[in-house]
Amino acid sequence: MNKPLVFVAVFSLLIGVSPAYAGGDATAGKTKSATCAGCHGMDGNSANPDWPSLAGQGAAYIEKQLQEFKAGERQNATMAPMAAPLSEQDIVDLAAFYAAQTVKVGAAEKSQVELGQKIYRGGNMAGGVAACIGCHGPAGKGNPAAKFPALSGQHAKYVETQLNAFKAGERNNDAARMMRNTAGNMNDQEIKAVASYIQGLH
C-alpha cells in the first residue's frame, strides 16, 4: 500500500466515518427504500394521507426521526419494526434519497385558507400560539441546520394528527418542547386550518 492510501485509511479511522456515511448515498438509498415505498410512495410522495410524504424533506430531520423510531424515543407501531434493523449507513442513505426527491404539493381547502394562513404566518398571540413561519419558513421549506422539518405540501390529515399528538403529549421528540407548547395552545379549529393551509403551501 502506498503512502497516500495509508494516509486516507488512517484518517478515515481517526474521524470514524467514511465519506459515503457522512453524506449518505442517494443511489443506495433508492434501492433500500423499496420496503418504504408501500407507505411513502416510490418517490417519497405518499398516496395515503395517513402517512407522510418524505420527498424533499431535510436529510438531517429524516435521520433524526429514523434514529428515534429505532431507539424507541418516538413511538409508532408501524415504524418501530421498520426502523429496528436499519444500520446508521442505511439511515443516512435513505435520508439522502428522500431529500433529493421533489414533493408534490396539494391544495388547501378554500374555507380554511384565511385562518390557516393567519396562524402559520402570525400565530395567535392572545392564545399563546407561535407562528409556524419562524421555524418552518415562509414557503414551508423548514430549517435543515436546526432539524426543523419541511412542511410544504404535507398531507393535511397527517399534519393534523401530529399536531394533536404533540398537544396530547403523545409525541414528545420535539426540542425544548417547542411543538408541545405551540400545539398545546391551539384549538381544534386552528389545528385543522393550519394543517390544510400547509397542504397547499409552496
N, C-alpha and C. Protein backbone atom coordinates (compact mmCIF):
# COMPACT_ATOMS: atom_id res chain seq x y z
N MET A 1 0.85 -1.20 0.00
CA MET A 1 0.00 0.00 0.00
C MET A 1 0.89 1.24 0.00
N ASN A 2 0.63 2.19 -0.91
CA ASN A 2 1.47 3.38 -0.95
C ASN A 2 1.06 4.37 0.15
N LYS A 3 1.90 5.40 0.36
CA LYS A 3 1.69 6.33 1.47
C LYS A 3 0.38 7.10 1.40
N PRO A 4 -0.03 7.61 0.21
CA PRO A 4 -1.31 8.33 0.16
C PRO A 4 -2.49 7.46 0.60
N LEU A 5 -2.47 6.18 0.18
CA LEU A 5 -3.56 5.28 0.56
C LEU A 5 -3.54 4.99 2.06
N VAL A 6 -2.34 4.84 2.61
CA VAL A 6 -2.21 4.61 4.05
C VAL A 6 -2.78 5.80 4.81
N PHE A 7 -2.44 7.02 4.34
CA PHE A 7 -2.93 8.23 5.00
C PHE A 7 -4.45 8.28 4.98
N VAL A 8 -5.05 7.99 3.82
CA VAL A 8 -6.51 8.03 3.70
C VAL A 8 -7.15 7.02 4.64
N ALA A 9 -6.59 5.82 4.70
CA ALA A 9 -7.15 4.77 5.56
C ALA A 9 -7.06 5.17 7.02
N VAL A 10 -5.90 5.68 7.44
CA VAL A 10 -5.72 6.09 8.83
C VAL A 10 -6.61 7.27 9.17
N PHE A 11 -6.70 8.23 8.25
CA PHE A 11 -7.52 9.41 8.50
C PHE A 11 -8.99 9.01 8.67
N SER A 12 -9.45 8.07 7.83
CA SER A 12 -10.84 7.61 7.93
C SER A 12 -11.11 6.95 9.27
N LEU A 13 -10.13 6.19 9.76
CA LEU A 13 -10.28 5.55 11.07
C LEU A 13 -10.31 6.59 12.18
N LEU A 14 -9.46 7.62 12.05
CA LEU A 14 -9.38 8.65 13.09
C LEU A 14 -10.68 9.44 13.20
N ILE A 15 -11.29 9.80 12.07
CA ILE A 15 -12.52 10.59 12.15
C ILE A 15 -13.74 9.71 12.34
N GLY A 16 -13.55 8.40 12.14
CA GLY A 16 -14.62 7.46 12.46
C GLY A 16 -15.79 7.45 11.50
N VAL A 17 -15.63 7.98 10.30
CA VAL A 17 -16.73 7.99 9.36
C VAL A 17 -16.17 8.02 7.95
N SER A 18 -16.82 7.29 7.05
CA SER A 18 -16.40 7.29 5.66
C SER A 18 -17.11 8.42 4.93
N PRO A 19 -16.61 8.84 3.77
CA PRO A 19 -17.28 9.90 3.01
C PRO A 19 -18.71 9.52 2.66
N ALA A 20 -18.96 8.26 2.29
CA ALA A 20 -20.31 7.83 1.93
C ALA A 20 -21.25 7.95 3.12
N TYR A 21 -20.74 7.56 4.31
CA TYR A 21 -21.57 7.62 5.51
C TYR A 21 -21.87 9.06 5.88
N ALA A 22 -20.87 9.92 5.75
CA ALA A 22 -21.04 11.31 6.18
C ALA A 22 -22.17 12.00 5.43
N GLY A 23 -22.28 11.76 4.12
CA GLY A 23 -23.29 12.46 3.35
C GLY A 23 -24.46 11.61 2.93
N GLY A 24 -24.34 10.32 3.05
CA GLY A 24 -25.40 9.44 2.57
C GLY A 24 -25.30 9.26 1.06
N ASP A 25 -25.73 8.12 0.59
CA ASP A 25 -25.67 7.78 -0.82
C ASP A 25 -27.10 7.64 -1.33
N ALA A 26 -27.56 8.64 -2.10
CA ALA A 26 -28.94 8.64 -2.56
C ALA A 26 -29.25 7.46 -3.47
N THR A 27 -28.27 7.02 -4.25
CA THR A 27 -28.48 5.87 -5.14
C THR A 27 -28.72 4.61 -4.33
N ALA A 28 -27.89 4.41 -3.31
CA ALA A 28 -28.09 3.27 -2.42
C ALA A 28 -29.40 3.41 -1.66
N GLY A 29 -29.73 4.64 -1.29
CA GLY A 29 -30.97 4.89 -0.57
C GLY A 29 -32.19 4.53 -1.39
N LYS A 30 -32.13 4.77 -2.69
CA LYS A 30 -33.26 4.42 -3.56
C LYS A 30 -33.51 2.93 -3.52
N THR A 31 -32.46 2.14 -3.57
CA THR A 31 -32.60 0.68 -3.50
C THR A 31 -33.18 0.26 -2.15
N LYS A 32 -32.65 0.86 -1.11
CA LYS A 32 -33.08 0.50 0.25
C LYS A 32 -34.50 0.96 0.55
N SER A 33 -35.00 1.92 -0.22
CA SER A 33 -36.33 2.47 0.03
C SER A 33 -37.46 1.58 -0.48
N ALA A 34 -37.12 0.48 -1.13
CA ALA A 34 -38.15 -0.41 -1.68
C ALA A 34 -39.15 -0.86 -0.62
N THR A 35 -38.67 -1.11 0.60
CA THR A 35 -39.57 -1.55 1.66
C THR A 35 -40.39 -0.40 2.24
N CYS A 36 -39.99 0.82 1.95
CA CYS A 36 -40.69 2.01 2.46
C CYS A 36 -41.78 2.48 1.49
N ALA A 37 -41.64 2.06 0.23
CA ALA A 37 -42.49 2.59 -0.84
C ALA A 37 -43.97 2.30 -0.65
N GLY A 38 -44.29 1.19 0.00
CA GLY A 38 -45.70 0.83 0.19
C GLY A 38 -46.48 1.91 0.93
N CYS A 39 -45.83 2.59 1.85
CA CYS A 39 -46.49 3.67 2.61
C CYS A 39 -46.12 5.06 2.10
N HIS A 40 -44.86 5.24 1.75
CA HIS A 40 -44.37 6.58 1.44
C HIS A 40 -44.24 6.87 -0.06
N GLY A 41 -44.56 5.89 -0.90
CA GLY A 41 -44.51 6.10 -2.34
C GLY A 41 -43.12 5.85 -2.91
N MET A 42 -43.06 5.50 -4.17
CA MET A 42 -41.80 5.18 -4.83
C MET A 42 -40.84 6.38 -4.82
N ASP A 43 -41.41 7.59 -4.93
CA ASP A 43 -40.58 8.79 -4.97
C ASP A 43 -40.73 9.62 -3.70
N GLY A 44 -41.26 9.01 -2.64
CA GLY A 44 -41.41 9.72 -1.38
C GLY A 44 -42.68 10.51 -1.24
N ASN A 45 -43.56 10.44 -2.26
CA ASN A 45 -44.85 11.12 -2.19
C ASN A 45 -45.92 10.09 -1.86
N SER A 46 -46.38 10.13 -0.63
CA SER A 46 -47.36 9.15 -0.16
C SER A 46 -48.74 9.42 -0.77
N ALA A 47 -49.42 8.32 -1.16
CA ALA A 47 -50.77 8.45 -1.71
C ALA A 47 -51.82 8.43 -0.60
N ASN A 48 -51.44 7.97 0.57
CA ASN A 48 -52.36 7.85 1.70
C ASN A 48 -52.13 9.01 2.67
N PRO A 49 -53.15 9.83 2.94
CA PRO A 49 -52.96 10.99 3.80
C PRO A 49 -52.64 10.67 5.26
N ASP A 50 -52.78 9.40 5.63
CA ASP A 50 -52.40 8.99 6.99
C ASP A 50 -50.90 8.88 7.14
N TRP A 51 -50.19 8.71 6.02
CA TRP A 51 -48.74 8.51 6.04
C TRP A 51 -48.04 9.70 5.41
N PRO A 52 -46.96 10.15 5.99
CA PRO A 52 -46.31 11.36 5.48
C PRO A 52 -45.58 11.18 4.16
N SER A 53 -45.60 12.24 3.37
CA SER A 53 -44.72 12.30 2.21
C SER A 53 -43.34 12.68 2.73
N LEU A 54 -42.31 12.02 2.22
CA LEU A 54 -40.93 12.28 2.66
C LEU A 54 -40.12 13.01 1.59
N ALA A 55 -40.67 13.12 0.40
CA ALA A 55 -39.95 13.78 -0.69
C ALA A 55 -39.61 15.22 -0.33
N GLY A 56 -38.34 15.59 -0.52
CA GLY A 56 -37.89 16.94 -0.26
C GLY A 56 -37.66 17.27 1.20
N GLN A 57 -37.87 16.28 2.06
CA GLN A 57 -37.65 16.52 3.49
C GLN A 57 -36.15 16.63 3.78
N GLY A 58 -35.78 17.46 4.73
CA GLY A 58 -34.37 17.61 5.08
C GLY A 58 -33.76 16.29 5.53
N ALA A 59 -32.58 15.99 5.03
CA ALA A 59 -31.92 14.72 5.36
C ALA A 59 -31.69 14.59 6.86
N ALA A 60 -31.24 15.66 7.50
CA ALA A 60 -30.94 15.59 8.93
C ALA A 60 -32.19 15.30 9.75
N TYR A 61 -33.33 15.85 9.32
CA TYR A 61 -34.59 15.59 10.02
C TYR A 61 -35.01 14.13 9.87
N ILE A 62 -34.89 13.60 8.65
CA ILE A 62 -35.25 12.19 8.43
C ILE A 62 -34.34 11.28 9.26
N GLU A 63 -33.05 11.59 9.27
CA GLU A 63 -32.12 10.80 10.08
C GLU A 63 -32.53 10.80 11.54
N LYS A 64 -32.87 11.97 12.06
CA LYS A 64 -33.28 12.09 13.46
C LYS A 64 -34.51 11.23 13.76
N GLN A 65 -35.51 11.31 12.88
CA GLN A 65 -36.74 10.56 13.12
C GLN A 65 -36.49 9.04 13.07
N LEU A 66 -35.72 8.59 12.09
CA LEU A 66 -35.43 7.16 11.98
C LEU A 66 -34.63 6.66 13.19
N GLN A 67 -33.67 7.46 13.62
CA GLN A 67 -32.89 7.08 14.80
C GLN A 67 -33.78 7.00 16.04
N GLU A 68 -34.73 7.90 16.15
CA GLU A 68 -35.61 7.91 17.32
C GLU A 68 -36.66 6.82 17.26
N PHE A 69 -37.13 6.47 16.07
CA PHE A 69 -38.01 5.31 15.93
C PHE A 69 -37.24 4.05 16.34
N LYS A 70 -36.02 3.95 15.86
CA LYS A 70 -35.18 2.78 16.15
C LYS A 70 -34.90 2.65 17.65
N ALA A 71 -34.66 3.77 18.31
CA ALA A 71 -34.35 3.76 19.74
C ALA A 71 -35.59 3.72 20.63
N GLY A 72 -36.76 3.86 20.03
CA GLY A 72 -37.99 3.87 20.81
C GLY A 72 -38.30 5.22 21.43
N GLU A 73 -37.56 6.25 21.03
CA GLU A 73 -37.79 7.59 21.56
C GLU A 73 -39.00 8.26 20.90
N ARG A 74 -39.35 7.80 19.70
CA ARG A 74 -40.59 8.21 19.05
C ARG A 74 -41.40 6.94 18.83
N GLN A 75 -42.60 6.92 19.35
CA GLN A 75 -43.40 5.71 19.34
C GLN A 75 -44.32 5.65 18.12
N ASN A 76 -44.26 4.53 17.40
CA ASN A 76 -45.18 4.27 16.31
C ASN A 76 -45.12 2.78 16.00
N ALA A 77 -46.27 2.12 16.08
CA ALA A 77 -46.31 0.67 15.94
C ALA A 77 -45.88 0.21 14.55
N THR A 78 -46.09 1.04 13.54
CA THR A 78 -45.69 0.67 12.18
C THR A 78 -44.21 0.93 11.95
N MET A 79 -43.73 2.09 12.39
CA MET A 79 -42.35 2.47 12.10
C MET A 79 -41.32 1.76 12.98
N ALA A 80 -41.68 1.40 14.18
CA ALA A 80 -40.71 0.76 15.08
C ALA A 80 -40.06 -0.48 14.46
N PRO A 81 -40.84 -1.43 13.95
CA PRO A 81 -40.21 -2.62 13.35
C PRO A 81 -39.51 -2.33 12.03
N MET A 82 -39.93 -1.27 11.35
CA MET A 82 -39.26 -0.92 10.09
C MET A 82 -37.88 -0.31 10.36
N ALA A 83 -37.79 0.50 11.42
CA ALA A 83 -36.53 1.17 11.74
C ALA A 83 -35.56 0.28 12.50
N ALA A 84 -36.08 -0.69 13.22
CA ALA A 84 -35.23 -1.52 14.09
C ALA A 84 -34.02 -2.14 13.39
N PRO A 85 -34.15 -2.71 12.19
CA PRO A 85 -32.99 -3.35 11.56
C PRO A 85 -32.07 -2.41 10.80
N LEU A 86 -32.42 -1.13 10.72
CA LEU A 86 -31.61 -0.19 9.92
C LEU A 86 -30.27 0.11 10.59
N SER A 87 -29.22 0.06 9.79
CA SER A 87 -27.90 0.48 10.27
C SER A 87 -27.79 2.00 10.12
N GLU A 88 -26.75 2.58 10.70
CA GLU A 88 -26.54 4.01 10.54
C GLU A 88 -26.35 4.37 9.07
N GLN A 89 -25.67 3.49 8.32
CA GLN A 89 -25.48 3.75 6.89
C GLN A 89 -26.81 3.71 6.16
N ASP A 90 -27.67 2.74 6.51
CA ASP A 90 -29.00 2.67 5.89
C ASP A 90 -29.76 3.97 6.12
N ILE A 91 -29.69 4.46 7.34
CA ILE A 91 -30.44 5.67 7.71
C ILE A 91 -29.98 6.88 6.90
N VAL A 92 -28.68 7.09 6.79
CA VAL A 92 -28.21 8.27 6.04
C VAL A 92 -28.45 8.11 4.54
N ASP A 93 -28.40 6.88 4.05
CA ASP A 93 -28.67 6.65 2.62
C ASP A 93 -30.14 6.92 2.31
N LEU A 94 -31.03 6.43 3.15
CA LEU A 94 -32.46 6.68 2.95
C LEU A 94 -32.76 8.17 3.03
N ALA A 95 -32.15 8.83 4.00
CA ALA A 95 -32.37 10.27 4.16
C ALA A 95 -31.90 11.03 2.93
N ALA A 96 -30.75 10.64 2.38
CA ALA A 96 -30.22 11.30 1.19
C ALA A 96 -31.15 11.10 0.00
N PHE A 97 -31.70 9.90 -0.14
CA PHE A 97 -32.61 9.62 -1.25
C PHE A 97 -33.86 10.48 -1.17
N TYR A 98 -34.52 10.47 -0.02
CA TYR A 98 -35.77 11.22 0.11
C TYR A 98 -35.55 12.73 0.01
N ALA A 99 -34.44 13.20 0.54
CA ALA A 99 -34.14 14.64 0.48
C ALA A 99 -33.96 15.11 -0.97
N ALA A 100 -33.54 14.20 -1.85
CA ALA A 100 -33.29 14.56 -3.25
C ALA A 100 -34.55 14.51 -4.11
N GLN A 101 -35.66 14.02 -3.57
CA GLN A 101 -36.89 13.92 -4.35
C GLN A 101 -37.69 15.22 -4.28
N THR A 102 -38.64 15.36 -5.18
CA THR A 102 -39.47 16.58 -5.24
C THR A 102 -40.86 16.31 -4.68
N VAL A 103 -41.25 17.11 -3.72
CA VAL A 103 -42.57 16.92 -3.11
C VAL A 103 -43.67 17.41 -4.06
N LYS A 104 -44.78 16.70 -4.07
CA LYS A 104 -45.94 17.10 -4.85
C LYS A 104 -46.90 17.84 -3.93
N VAL A 105 -47.06 19.11 -4.19
CA VAL A 105 -47.89 19.96 -3.33
C VAL A 105 -49.37 19.80 -3.68
N GLY A 106 -50.19 19.68 -2.65
CA GLY A 106 -51.63 19.56 -2.85
C GLY A 106 -52.29 20.92 -2.81
N ALA A 107 -53.51 20.96 -2.32
CA ALA A 107 -54.25 22.22 -2.24
C ALA A 107 -54.93 22.32 -0.89
N ALA A 108 -55.04 23.52 -0.40
CA ALA A 108 -55.75 23.76 0.86
C ALA A 108 -57.24 23.92 0.57
N GLU A 109 -58.06 23.58 1.56
CA GLU A 109 -59.49 23.84 1.43
C GLU A 109 -59.69 25.36 1.51
N LYS A 110 -60.43 25.89 0.57
CA LYS A 110 -60.62 27.35 0.49
C LYS A 110 -61.16 27.92 1.80
N SER A 111 -62.04 27.17 2.44
CA SER A 111 -62.65 27.66 3.68
C SER A 111 -61.66 27.73 4.83
N GLN A 112 -60.50 27.08 4.69
CA GLN A 112 -59.51 27.02 5.76
C GLN A 112 -58.33 27.96 5.55
N VAL A 113 -58.24 28.54 4.35
CA VAL A 113 -57.05 29.31 4.00
C VAL A 113 -56.85 30.55 4.88
N GLU A 114 -57.90 31.32 5.10
CA GLU A 114 -57.75 32.57 5.85
C GLU A 114 -57.20 32.33 7.26
N LEU A 115 -57.85 31.43 8.00
CA LEU A 115 -57.39 31.15 9.36
C LEU A 115 -56.05 30.43 9.34
N GLY A 116 -55.89 29.47 8.43
CA GLY A 116 -54.64 28.71 8.34
C GLY A 116 -53.45 29.60 8.06
N GLN A 117 -53.62 30.53 7.14
CA GLN A 117 -52.55 31.47 6.81
C GLN A 117 -52.25 32.38 7.99
N LYS A 118 -53.30 32.83 8.68
CA LYS A 118 -53.12 33.70 9.84
C LYS A 118 -52.28 33.02 10.91
N ILE A 119 -52.59 31.77 11.21
CA ILE A 119 -51.86 31.02 12.24
C ILE A 119 -50.45 30.73 11.78
N TYR A 120 -50.31 30.27 10.54
CA TYR A 120 -48.99 29.90 10.03
C TYR A 120 -48.05 31.10 10.03
N ARG A 121 -48.53 32.23 9.56
CA ARG A 121 -47.67 33.40 9.38
C ARG A 121 -47.60 34.33 10.59
N GLY A 122 -48.66 34.35 11.39
CA GLY A 122 -48.66 35.30 12.50
C GLY A 122 -48.95 34.70 13.86
N GLY A 123 -49.34 33.43 13.90
CA GLY A 123 -49.68 32.81 15.17
C GLY A 123 -50.94 33.39 15.75
N ASN A 124 -51.11 33.21 17.04
CA ASN A 124 -52.24 33.77 17.77
C ASN A 124 -51.69 34.23 19.12
N MET A 125 -51.26 35.47 19.16
CA MET A 125 -50.60 35.98 20.37
C MET A 125 -51.49 35.90 21.59
N ALA A 126 -52.78 36.16 21.40
CA ALA A 126 -53.71 36.12 22.54
C ALA A 126 -53.82 34.72 23.10
N GLY A 127 -53.71 33.72 22.23
CA GLY A 127 -53.82 32.33 22.67
C GLY A 127 -52.50 31.68 22.98
N GLY A 128 -51.40 32.40 22.79
CA GLY A 128 -50.08 31.84 23.06
C GLY A 128 -49.60 30.88 22.00
N VAL A 129 -50.09 31.06 20.77
CA VAL A 129 -49.70 30.17 19.66
C VAL A 129 -48.63 30.87 18.83
N ALA A 130 -47.45 30.28 18.76
CA ALA A 130 -46.35 30.85 17.98
C ALA A 130 -46.60 30.66 16.49
N ALA A 131 -46.12 31.60 15.68
CA ALA A 131 -46.24 31.49 14.22
C ALA A 131 -45.35 30.36 13.72
N CYS A 132 -45.90 29.55 12.83
CA CYS A 132 -45.17 28.41 12.27
C CYS A 132 -43.99 28.87 11.41
N ILE A 133 -44.16 30.04 10.80
CA ILE A 133 -43.18 30.56 9.85
C ILE A 133 -41.80 30.73 10.48
N GLY A 134 -41.76 30.97 11.78
CA GLY A 134 -40.49 31.21 12.46
C GLY A 134 -39.53 30.04 12.37
N CYS A 135 -40.05 28.83 12.42
CA CYS A 135 -39.19 27.63 12.35
C CYS A 135 -39.26 26.94 10.99
N HIS A 136 -40.42 27.02 10.34
CA HIS A 136 -40.62 26.24 9.12
C HIS A 136 -40.51 27.05 7.84
N GLY A 137 -40.33 28.38 7.98
CA GLY A 137 -40.06 29.21 6.81
C GLY A 137 -41.31 29.66 6.08
N PRO A 138 -41.22 30.75 5.31
CA PRO A 138 -42.37 31.30 4.60
C PRO A 138 -42.99 30.36 3.58
N ALA A 139 -42.18 29.51 2.97
CA ALA A 139 -42.69 28.56 1.97
C ALA A 139 -42.74 27.14 2.52
N GLY A 140 -42.54 27.00 3.83
CA GLY A 140 -42.62 25.68 4.44
C GLY A 140 -41.44 24.78 4.14
N LYS A 141 -40.28 25.37 3.86
CA LYS A 141 -39.11 24.57 3.50
C LYS A 141 -38.34 24.07 4.72
N GLY A 142 -38.71 24.53 5.91
CA GLY A 142 -38.04 24.07 7.12
C GLY A 142 -36.69 24.74 7.34
N ASN A 143 -35.97 24.23 8.32
CA ASN A 143 -34.63 24.72 8.64
C ASN A 143 -33.74 23.51 8.84
N PRO A 144 -33.07 23.06 7.79
CA PRO A 144 -32.26 21.83 7.87
C PRO A 144 -31.20 21.87 8.96
N ALA A 145 -30.56 23.01 9.16
CA ALA A 145 -29.49 23.09 10.15
C ALA A 145 -30.01 22.85 11.56
N ALA A 146 -31.24 23.31 11.81
CA ALA A 146 -31.84 23.13 13.14
C ALA A 146 -32.67 21.85 13.23
N LYS A 147 -32.73 21.10 12.12
CA LYS A 147 -33.55 19.88 12.03
C LYS A 147 -35.04 20.16 12.21
N PHE A 148 -35.46 21.36 11.76
CA PHE A 148 -36.88 21.67 11.72
C PHE A 148 -37.40 21.21 10.37
N PRO A 149 -38.46 20.41 10.34
CA PRO A 149 -38.88 19.79 9.08
C PRO A 149 -39.50 20.72 8.07
N ALA A 150 -39.36 20.33 6.81
CA ALA A 150 -40.10 20.97 5.73
C ALA A 150 -41.56 20.53 5.87
N LEU A 151 -42.49 21.46 5.65
CA LEU A 151 -43.91 21.15 5.75
C LEU A 151 -44.64 21.30 4.43
N SER A 152 -44.04 21.98 3.48
CA SER A 152 -44.68 22.28 2.21
C SER A 152 -45.29 21.03 1.56
N GLY A 153 -46.61 21.10 1.31
CA GLY A 153 -47.28 20.01 0.61
C GLY A 153 -47.60 18.79 1.44
N GLN A 154 -47.27 18.80 2.72
CA GLN A 154 -47.54 17.63 3.55
C GLN A 154 -49.05 17.42 3.69
N HIS A 155 -49.47 16.16 3.76
CA HIS A 155 -50.89 15.85 3.87
C HIS A 155 -51.51 16.54 5.09
N ALA A 156 -52.65 17.19 4.88
CA ALA A 156 -53.34 17.87 5.97
C ALA A 156 -53.70 16.90 7.08
N LYS A 157 -54.16 15.72 6.73
CA LYS A 157 -54.57 14.75 7.74
C LYS A 157 -53.39 14.33 8.61
N TYR A 158 -52.24 14.12 7.98
CA TYR A 158 -51.05 13.74 8.74
C TYR A 158 -50.61 14.87 9.66
N VAL A 159 -50.59 16.10 9.15
CA VAL A 159 -50.18 17.25 9.97
C VAL A 159 -51.13 17.41 11.15
N GLU A 160 -52.42 17.27 10.90
CA GLU A 160 -53.41 17.40 11.96
C GLU A 160 -53.18 16.33 13.04
N THR A 161 -52.91 15.11 12.60
CA THR A 161 -52.65 14.02 13.54
C THR A 161 -51.44 14.31 14.41
N GLN A 162 -50.37 14.82 13.78
CA GLN A 162 -49.15 15.10 14.53
C GLN A 162 -49.33 16.26 15.50
N LEU A 163 -50.05 17.30 15.08
CA LEU A 163 -50.31 18.43 15.98
C LEU A 163 -51.13 17.98 17.19
N ASN A 164 -52.11 17.13 16.95
CA ASN A 164 -52.90 16.61 18.07
C ASN A 164 -52.08 15.70 18.98
N ALA A 165 -51.14 14.97 18.38
CA ALA A 165 -50.26 14.11 19.19
C ALA A 165 -49.33 14.95 20.06
N PHE A 166 -48.80 16.03 19.51
CA PHE A 166 -47.98 16.94 20.31
C PHE A 166 -48.82 17.59 21.41
N LYS A 167 -50.03 17.99 21.05
CA LYS A 167 -50.92 18.64 22.01
C LYS A 167 -51.23 17.72 23.20
N ALA A 168 -51.43 16.45 22.91
CA ALA A 168 -51.76 15.48 23.96
C ALA A 168 -50.52 14.95 24.68
N GLY A 169 -49.33 15.31 24.18
CA GLY A 169 -48.10 14.80 24.77
C GLY A 169 -47.78 13.39 24.35
N GLU A 170 -48.52 12.86 23.38
CA GLU A 170 -48.28 11.50 22.88
C GLU A 170 -47.02 11.46 22.01
N ARG A 171 -46.70 12.57 21.40
CA ARG A 171 -45.44 12.71 20.68
C ARG A 171 -44.61 13.73 21.43
N ASN A 172 -43.39 13.36 21.78
CA ASN A 172 -42.59 14.23 22.64
C ASN A 172 -41.12 14.32 22.23
N ASN A 173 -40.87 14.15 20.93
CA ASN A 173 -39.47 14.21 20.48
C ASN A 173 -39.11 15.56 19.88
N ASP A 174 -39.79 16.60 20.35
CA ASP A 174 -39.51 17.96 19.90
C ASP A 174 -38.50 18.64 20.82
N ALA A 175 -37.61 19.41 20.24
CA ALA A 175 -36.59 20.10 21.03
C ALA A 175 -37.22 21.16 21.91
N ALA A 176 -36.84 21.16 23.18
CA ALA A 176 -37.28 22.18 24.15
C ALA A 176 -38.80 22.31 24.23
N ARG A 177 -39.51 21.25 23.91
CA ARG A 177 -40.97 21.21 23.99
C ARG A 177 -41.64 22.24 23.08
N MET A 178 -40.93 22.68 22.04
CA MET A 178 -41.47 23.74 21.20
C MET A 178 -42.80 23.38 20.56
N MET A 179 -42.90 22.17 20.01
CA MET A 179 -44.14 21.78 19.36
C MET A 179 -45.23 21.46 20.37
N ARG A 180 -44.86 20.87 21.48
CA ARG A 180 -45.87 20.58 22.51
C ARG A 180 -46.45 21.88 23.08
N ASN A 181 -45.59 22.86 23.28
CA ASN A 181 -46.06 24.14 23.80
C ASN A 181 -46.95 24.87 22.79
N THR A 182 -46.56 24.84 21.53
CA THR A 182 -47.34 25.52 20.49
C THR A 182 -48.68 24.81 20.27
N ALA A 183 -48.63 23.52 19.99
CA ALA A 183 -49.86 22.76 19.71
C ALA A 183 -50.77 22.73 20.93
N GLY A 184 -50.17 22.75 22.12
CA GLY A 184 -50.96 22.71 23.34
C GLY A 184 -51.86 23.91 23.51
N ASN A 185 -51.52 25.01 22.85
CA ASN A 185 -52.32 26.23 22.95
C ASN A 185 -53.26 26.42 21.75
N MET A 186 -53.24 25.47 20.82
CA MET A 186 -54.09 25.57 19.64
C MET A 186 -55.43 24.88 19.88
N ASN A 187 -56.50 25.49 19.38
CA ASN A 187 -57.79 24.80 19.46
C ASN A 187 -57.98 23.94 18.21
N ASP A 188 -59.01 23.12 18.21
CA ASP A 188 -59.23 22.18 17.11
C ASP A 188 -59.38 22.89 15.77
N GLN A 189 -60.05 24.03 15.77
CA GLN A 189 -60.26 24.78 14.53
C GLN A 189 -58.93 25.29 13.97
N GLU A 190 -58.07 25.78 14.84
CA GLU A 190 -56.76 26.29 14.40
C GLU A 190 -55.90 25.16 13.86
N ILE A 191 -55.93 24.03 14.52
CA ILE A 191 -55.14 22.88 14.05
C ILE A 191 -55.60 22.43 12.67
N LYS A 192 -56.88 22.30 12.49
CA LYS A 192 -57.42 21.85 11.21
C LYS A 192 -57.10 22.85 10.10
N ALA A 193 -57.22 24.14 10.41
CA ALA A 193 -56.99 25.17 9.40
C ALA A 193 -55.52 25.24 8.99
N VAL A 194 -54.61 25.22 9.95
CA VAL A 194 -53.19 25.33 9.60
C VAL A 194 -52.71 24.08 8.89
N ALA A 195 -53.27 22.92 9.24
CA ALA A 195 -52.90 21.67 8.56
C ALA A 195 -53.32 21.73 7.10
N SER A 196 -54.52 22.25 6.84
CA SER A 196 -55.00 22.38 5.48
C SER A 196 -54.15 23.38 4.70
N TYR A 197 -53.82 24.49 5.34
CA TYR A 197 -53.00 25.52 4.69
C TYR A 197 -51.63 24.96 4.29
N ILE A 198 -51.05 24.17 5.16
CA ILE A 198 -49.74 23.57 4.89
C ILE A 198 -49.79 22.65 3.68
N GLN A 199 -50.89 21.94 3.50
CA GLN A 199 -51.01 21.02 2.36
C GLN A 199 -50.85 21.75 1.03
N GLY A 200 -51.27 23.01 0.98
CA GLY A 200 -51.15 23.77 -0.26
C GLY A 200 -50.01 24.76 -0.28
N LEU A 201 -49.19 24.74 0.77
CA LEU A 201 -48.10 25.71 0.89
C LEU A 201 -46.90 25.35 0.02
N HIS A 202 -46.40 26.34 -0.71
CA HIS A 202 -45.20 26.10 -1.52
C HIS A 202 -44.57 27.44 -1.89
